[in-house]
Amino acid sequence: MDKKNPSYTDAFNELQEIVREMENSNITVDILSEKIKRCNYLIGICKDKLTKTEAEIAKIVDEENA
């Protein structure tokens, strides 16, 4: 997995893993802060990929209906 440019699936899976870690262990404030920053980054990647996919699908549907 590419940590700087993960796929949607990798980003989503990492988000799930971070949530499990936060639910199942005592995390220090410093580590929690880093995990939250990473989550924010991963959420941005997921939103971007979903937005781009939605636009691509809309374009395909529009082309087929034209």
PDB file of N, CA and C in Angstrom:
ATOM      1  N   MET A   1       0.843  -1.181   0.000  1.00  0.00           N
ATOM      2  CA  MET A   1       0.000   0.000   0.000  1.00  0.00           C
ATOM      3  C   MET A   1       0.884   1.239   0.000  1.00  0.00           C
ATOM      4  N   ASP A   2       0.536   2.192  -0.822  1.00  0.00           N
ATOM      5  CA  ASP A   2       1.237   3.476  -0.902  1.00  0.00           C
ATOM      6  C   ASP A   2       0.638   4.405   0.145  1.00  0.00           C
ATOM      7  N   LYS A   3       1.423   4.752   1.174  1.00  0.00           N
ATOM      8  CA  LYS A   3       0.920   5.579   2.277  1.00  0.00           C
ATOM      9  C   LYS A   3       0.605   7.008   1.838  1.00  0.00           C
ATOM     10  N   LYS A   4       1.294   7.508   0.792  1.00  0.00           N
ATOM     11  CA  LYS A   4       1.084   8.889   0.359  1.00  0.00           C
ATOM     12  C   LYS A   4      -0.061   9.017  -0.629  1.00  0.00           C
ATOM     13  N   ASN A   5      -0.327   7.980  -1.396  1.00  0.00           N
ATOM     14  CA  ASN A   5      -1.393   8.026  -2.383  1.00  0.00           C
ATOM     15  C   ASN A   5      -2.124   6.677  -2.420  1.00  0.00           C
ATOM     16  N   PRO A   6      -2.801   6.343  -1.316  1.00  0.00           N
ATOM     17  CA  PRO A   6      -3.466   5.031  -1.263  1.00  0.00           C
ATOM     18  C   PRO A   6      -4.697   4.989  -2.164  1.00  0.00           C
ATOM     19  N   SER A   7      -5.047   3.791  -2.571  1.00  0.00           N
ATOM     20  CA  SER A   7      -6.296   3.603  -3.305  1.00  0.00           C
ATOM     21  C   SER A   7      -7.454   3.863  -2.355  1.00  0.00           C
ATOM     22  N   TYR A   8      -8.644   3.991  -2.912  1.00  0.00           N
ATOM     23  CA  TYR A   8      -9.833   4.188  -2.076  1.00  0.00           C
ATOM     24  C   TYR A   8      -9.955   3.053  -1.064  1.00  0.00           C
ATOM     25  N   THR A   9      -9.803   1.825  -1.552  1.00  0.00           N
ATOM     26  CA  THR A   9      -9.952   0.653  -0.682  1.00  0.00           C
ATOM     27  C   THR A   9      -8.912   0.655   0.431  1.00  0.00           C
ATOM     28  N   ASP A  10      -7.666   0.966   0.088  1.00  0.00           N
ATOM     29  CA  ASP A  10      -6.617   1.015   1.105  1.00  0.00           C
ATOM     30  C   ASP A  10      -6.886   2.112   2.127  1.00  0.00           C
ATOM     31  N   ALA A  11      -7.317   3.282   1.657  1.00  0.00           N
ATOM     32  CA  ALA A  11      -7.614   4.397   2.561  1.00  0.00           C
ATOM     33  C   ALA A  11      -8.773   4.032   3.494  1.00  0.00           C
ATOM     34  N   PHE A  12      -9.810   3.436   2.933  1.00  0.00           N
ATOM     35  CA  PHE A  12     -10.974   3.050   3.734  1.00  0.00           C
ATOM     36  C   PHE A  12     -10.589   1.994   4.771  1.00  0.00           C
ATOM     37  N   ASN A  13      -9.804   1.008   4.344  1.00  0.00           N
ATOM     38  CA  ASN A  13      -9.361  -0.038   5.274  1.00  0.00           C
ATOM     39  C   ASN A  13      -8.495   0.529   6.387  1.00  0.00           C
ATOM     40  N   GLU A  14      -7.621   1.474   6.043  1.00  0.00           N
ATOM     41  CA  GLU A  14      -6.786   2.093   7.075  1.00  0.00           C
ATOM     42  C   GLU A  14      -7.640   2.892   8.055  1.00  0.00           C
ATOM     43  N   LEU A  15      -8.651   3.584   7.544  1.00  0.00           N
ATOM     44  CA  LEU A  15      -9.572   4.306   8.434  1.00  0.00           C
ATOM     45  C   LEU A  15     -10.242   3.354   9.417  1.00  0.00           C
ATOM     46  N   GLN A  16     -10.700   2.227   8.909  1.00  0.00           N
ATOM     47  CA  GLN A  16     -11.340   1.242   9.785  1.00  0.00           C
ATOM     48  C   GLN A  16     -10.377   0.733  10.846  1.00  0.00           C
ATOM     49  N   GLU A  17      -9.133   0.491  10.459  1.00  0.00           N
ATOM     50  CA  GLU A  17      -8.134   0.004  11.401  1.00  0.00           C
ATOM     51  C   GLU A  17      -7.844   1.046  12.483  1.00  0.00           C
ATOM     52  N   ILE A  18      -7.741   2.298  12.090  1.00  0.00           N
ATOM     53  CA  ILE A  18      -7.496   3.365  13.070  1.00  0.00           C
ATOM     54  C   ILE A  18      -8.656   3.463  14.059  1.00  0.00           C
ATOM     55  N   VAL A  19      -9.871   3.361  13.569  1.00  0.00           N
ATOM     56  CA  VAL A  19     -11.039   3.408  14.458  1.00  0.00           C
ATOM     57  C   VAL A  19     -10.998   2.243  15.440  1.00  0.00           C
ATOM     58  N   ARG A  20     -10.668   1.043  14.949  1.00  0.00           N
ATOM     59  CA  ARG A  20     -10.563  -0.122  15.845  1.00  0.00           C
ATOM     60  C   ARG A  20      -9.493   0.115  16.914  1.00  0.00           C
ATOM     61  N   GLU A  21      -8.350   0.658  16.512  1.00  0.00           N
ATOM     62  CA  GLU A  21      -7.280   0.955  17.478  1.00  0.00           C
ATOM     63  C   GLU A  21      -7.771   1.920  18.545  1.00  0.00           C
ATOM     64  N   MET A  22      -8.472   2.947  18.117  1.00  0.00           N
ATOM     65  CA  MET A  22      -8.947   3.965  19.063  1.00  0.00           C
ATOM     66  C   MET A  22     -10.006   3.383  19.999  1.00  0.00           C
ATOM     67  N   GLU A  23     -10.796   2.461  19.507  1.00  0.00           N
ATOM     68  CA  GLU A  23     -11.838   1.853  20.337  1.00  0.00           C
ATOM     69  C   GLU A  23     -11.272   0.834  21.320  1.00  0.00           C
ATOM     70  N   ASN A  24     -10.180   0.168  20.949  1.00  0.00           N
ATOM     71  CA  ASN A  24      -9.701  -0.973  21.720  1.00  0.00           C
ATOM     72  C   ASN A  24      -8.459  -0.738  22.557  1.00  0.00           C
ATOM     73  N   SER A  25      -7.938   0.479  22.570  1.00  0.00           N
ATOM     74  CA  SER A  25      -6.723   0.684  23.347  1.00  0.00           C
ATOM     75  C   SER A  25      -6.695   2.078  23.948  1.00  0.00           C
ATOM     76  N   ASN A  26      -5.797   2.198  24.901  1.00  0.00           N
ATOM     77  CA  ASN A  26      -5.582   3.504  25.512  1.00  0.00           C
ATOM     78  C   ASN A  26      -4.514   4.217  24.700  1.00  0.00           C
ATOM     79  N   ILE A  27      -4.907   5.239  23.980  1.00  0.00           N
ATOM     80  CA  ILE A  27      -3.995   5.969  23.121  1.00  0.00           C
ATOM     81  C   ILE A  27      -3.661   7.299  23.788  1.00  0.00           C
ATOM     82  N   THR A  28      -2.382   7.647  23.775  1.00  0.00           N
ATOM     83  CA  THR A  28      -1.984   8.924  24.357  1.00  0.00           C
ATOM     84  C   THR A  28      -2.502  10.068  23.486  1.00  0.00           C
ATOM     85  N   VAL A  29      -2.548  11.237  24.049  1.00  0.00           N
ATOM     86  CA  VAL A  29      -3.038  12.418  23.330  1.00  0.00           C
ATOM     87  C   VAL A  29      -2.184  12.687  22.095  1.00  0.00           C
ATOM     88  N   ASP A  30      -0.877  12.524  22.220  1.00  0.00           N
ATOM     89  CA  ASP A  30       0.020  12.763  21.080  1.00  0.00           C
ATOM     90  C   ASP A  30      -0.272  11.795  19.939  1.00  0.00           C
ATOM     91  N   ILE A  31      -0.439  10.547  20.260  1.00  0.00           N
ATOM     92  CA  ILE A  31      -0.733   9.545  19.230  1.00  0.00           C
ATOM     93  C   ILE A  31      -2.133   9.778  18.672  1.00  0.00           C
ATOM     94  N   LEU A  32      -3.082  10.098  19.535  1.00  0.00           N
ATOM     95  CA  LEU A  32      -4.444  10.374  19.087  1.00  0.00           C
ATOM     96  C   LEU A  32      -4.453  11.527  18.099  1.00  0.00           C
ATOM     97  N   SER A  33      -3.695  12.558  18.380  1.00  0.00           N
ATOM     98  CA  SER A  33      -3.619  13.707  17.482  1.00  0.00           C
ATOM     99  C   SER A  33      -3.102  13.282  16.105  1.00  0.00           C
ATOM    100  N   GLU A  34      -2.069  12.457  16.062  1.00  0.00           N
ATOM    101  CA  GLU A  34      -1.520  11.979  14.791  1.00  0.00           C
ATOM    102  C   GLU A  34      -2.527  11.095  14.061  1.00  0.00           C
ATOM    103  N   LYS A  35      -3.236  10.245  14.797  1.00  0.00           N
ATOM    104  CA  LYS A  35      -4.240   9.365  14.180  1.00  0.00           C
ATOM    105  C   LYS A  35      -5.370  10.195  13.572  1.00  0.00           C
ATOM    106  N   ILE A  36      -5.790  11.221  14.270  1.00  0.00           N
ATOM    107  CA  ILE A  36      -6.868  12.072  13.761  1.00  0.00           C
ATOM    108  C   ILE A  36      -6.414  12.819  12.509  1.00  0.00           C
ATOM    109  N   LYS A  37      -5.172  13.295  12.500  1.00  0.00           N
ATOM    110  CA  LYS A  37      -4.635  13.950  11.300  1.00  0.00           C
ATOM    111  C   LYS A  37      -4.617  12.974  10.123  1.00  0.00           C
ATOM    112  N   ARG A  38      -4.194  11.736  10.389  1.00  0.00           N
ATOM    113  CA  ARG A  38      -4.154  10.725   9.325  1.00  0.00           C
ATOM    114  C   ARG A  38      -5.571  10.424   8.838  1.00  0.00           C
ATOM    115  N   CYS A  39      -6.517  10.311   9.760  1.00  0.00           N
ATOM    116  CA  CYS A  39      -7.914  10.068   9.373  1.00  0.00           C
ATOM    117  C   CYS A  39      -8.426  11.192   8.489  1.00  0.00           C
ATOM    118  N   ASN A  40      -8.142  12.418   8.855  1.00  0.00           N
ATOM    119  CA  ASN A  40      -8.585  13.557   8.066  1.00  0.00           C
ATOM    120  C   ASN A  40      -8.028  13.470   6.642  1.00  0.00           C
ATOM    121  N   TYR A  41      -6.749  13.121   6.517  1.00  0.00           N
ATOM    122  CA  TYR A  41      -6.111  12.954   5.219  1.00  0.00           C
ATOM    123  C   TYR A  41      -6.795  11.833   4.423  1.00  0.00           C
ATOM    124  N   LEU A  42      -7.027  10.691   5.060  1.00  0.00           N
ATOM    125  CA  LEU A  42      -7.644   9.545   4.391  1.00  0.00           C
ATOM    126  C   LEU A  42      -9.084   9.842   3.972  1.00  0.00           C
ATOM    127  N   ILE A  43      -9.820  10.534   4.811  1.00  0.00           N
ATOM    128  CA  ILE A  43     -11.195  10.918   4.467  1.00  0.00           C
ATOM    129  C   ILE A  43     -11.190  11.817   3.238  1.00  0.00           C
ATOM    130  N   GLY A  44     -10.248  12.737   3.175  1.00  0.00           N
ATOM    131  CA  GLY A  44     -10.122  13.605   2.005  1.00  0.00           C
ATOM    132  C   GLY A  44      -9.876  12.799   0.737  1.00  0.00           C
ATOM    133  N   ILE A  45      -9.007  11.799   0.822  1.00  0.00           N
ATOM    134  CA  ILE A  45      -8.736  10.937  -0.336  1.00  0.00           C
ATOM    135  C   ILE A  45     -10.008  10.209  -0.759  1.00  0.00           C
ATOM    136  N   CYS A  46     -10.721   9.634   0.194  1.00  0.00           N
ATOM    137  CA  CYS A  46     -11.948   8.897  -0.119  1.00  0.00           C
ATOM    138  C   CYS A  46     -12.986   9.815  -0.754  1.00  0.00           C
ATOM    139  N   LYS A  47     -13.180  10.989  -0.186  1.00  0.00           N
ATOM    140  CA  LYS A  47     -14.158  11.935  -0.748  1.00  0.00           C
ATOM    141  C   LYS A  47     -13.779  12.344  -2.163  1.00  0.00           C
ATOM    142  N   ASP A  48     -12.502  12.608  -2.383  1.00  0.00           N
ATOM    143  CA  ASP A  48     -12.034  13.006  -3.705  1.00  0.00           C
ATOM    144  C   ASP A  48     -12.265  11.898  -4.722  1.00  0.00           C
ATOM    145  N   LYS A  49     -11.928  10.683  -4.364  1.00  0.00           N
ATOM    146  CA  LYS A  49     -12.102   9.558  -5.290  1.00  0.00           C
ATOM    147  C   LYS A  49     -13.584   9.307  -5.578  1.00  0.00           C
ATOM    148  N   LEU A  50     -14.434   9.435  -4.564  1.00  0.00           N
ATOM    149  CA  LEU A  50     -15.866   9.248  -4.775  1.00  0.00           C
ATOM    150  C   LEU A  50     -16.445  10.352  -5.658  1.00  0.00           C
ATOM    151  N   THR A  51     -16.006  11.593  -5.434  1.00  0.00           N
ATOM    152  CA  THR A  51     -16.480  12.713  -6.249  1.00  0.00           C
ATOM    153  C   THR A  51     -16.074  12.538  -7.703  1.00  0.00           C
ATOM    154  N   LYS A  52     -14.820  12.151  -7.933  1.00  0.00           N
ATOM    155  CA  LYS A  52     -14.345  11.929  -9.301  1.00  0.00           C
ATOM    156  C   LYS A  52     -15.092  10.784  -9.966  1.00  0.00           C
ATOM    157  N   THR A  53     -15.334   9.715  -9.228  1.00  0.00           N
ATOM    158  CA  THR A  53     -16.063   8.576  -9.784  1.00  0.00           C
ATOM    159  C   THR A  53     -17.493   8.968 -10.125  1.00  0.00           C
ATOM    160  N   GLU A  54     -18.129   9.715  -9.243  1.00  0.00           N
ATOM    161  CA  GLU A  54     -19.493  10.185  -9.496  1.00  0.00           C
ATOM    162  C   GLU A  54     -19.548  11.037 -10.764  1.00  0.00           C
ATOM    163  N   ALA A  55     -18.575  11.914 -10.949  1.00  0.00           N
ATOM    164  CA  ALA A  55     -18.532  12.767 -12.143  1.00  0.00           C
ATOM    165  C   ALA A  55     -18.328  11.923 -13.401  1.00  0.00           C
ATOM    166  N   GLU A  56     -17.463  10.925 -13.319  1.00  0.00           N
ATOM    167  CA  GLU A  56     -17.226  10.045 -14.464  1.00  0.00           C
ATOM    168  C   GLU A  56     -18.488   9.274 -14.840  1.00  0.00           C
ATOM    169  N   ILE A  57     -19.186   8.775 -13.840  1.00  0.00           N
ATOM    170  CA  ILE A  57     -20.430   8.034 -14.092  1.00  0.00           C
ATOM    171  C   ILE A  57     -21.473   8.948 -14.708  1.00  0.00           C
ATOM    172  N   ALA A  58     -21.610  10.155 -14.179  1.00  0.00           N
ATOM    173  CA  ALA A  58     -22.580  11.108 -14.723  1.00  0.00           C
ATOM    174  C   ALA A  58     -22.254  11.423 -16.177  1.00  0.00           C
ATOM    175  N   LYS A  59     -20.979  11.574 -16.490  1.00  0.00           N
ATOM    176  CA  LYS A  59     -20.562  11.858 -17.861  1.00  0.00           C
ATOM    177  C   LYS A  59     -20.920  10.693 -18.791  1.00  0.00           C
ATOM    178  N   ILE A  60     -20.673   9.482 -18.343  1.00  0.00           N
ATOM    179  CA  ILE A  60     -20.999   8.301 -19.149  1.00  0.00           C
ATOM    180  C   ILE A  60     -22.500   8.208 -19.384  1.00  0.00           C
ATOM    181  N   VAL A  61     -23.283   8.421 -18.333  1.00  0.00           N
ATOM    182  CA  VAL A  61     -24.741   8.365 -18.450  1.00  0.00           C
ATOM    183  C   VAL A  61     -25.242   9.448 -19.399  1.00  0.00           C
ATOM    184  N   ASP A  62     -24.694  10.653 -19.278  1.00  0.00           N
ATOM    185  CA  ASP A  62     -25.080  11.755 -20.162  1.00  0.00           C
ATOM    186  C   ASP A  62     -24.749  11.440 -21.626  1.00  0.00           C
ATOM    187  N   GLU A  63     -23.574  10.855 -21.855  1.00  0.00           N
ATOM    188  CA  GLU A  63     -23.173  10.500 -23.217  1.00  0.00           C
ATOM    189  C   GLU A  63     -24.100   9.440 -23.814  1.00  0.00           C
ATOM    190  N   GLU A  64     -24.507   8.482 -22.991  1.00  0.00           N
ATOM    191  CA  GLU A  64     -25.392   7.418 -23.467  1.00  0.00           C
ATOM    192  C   GLU A  64     -26.806   7.946 -23.750  1.00  0.00           C
ATOM    193  N   ASN A  65     -27.217   8.955 -23.006  1.00  0.00           N
ATOM    194  CA  ASN A  65     -28.552   9.510 -23.180  1.00  0.00           C
ATOM    195  C   ASN A  65     -28.608  10.575 -24.269  1.00  0.00           C
ATOM    196  N   ALA A  66     -27.463  10.960 -24.813  1.00  0.00           N
ATOM    197  CA  ALA A  66     -27.418  12.015 -25.830  1.00  0.00           C
ATOM    198  C   ALA A  66     -27.746  11.466 -27.213  1.00  0.00           C
TER     199      ALA A  66
END
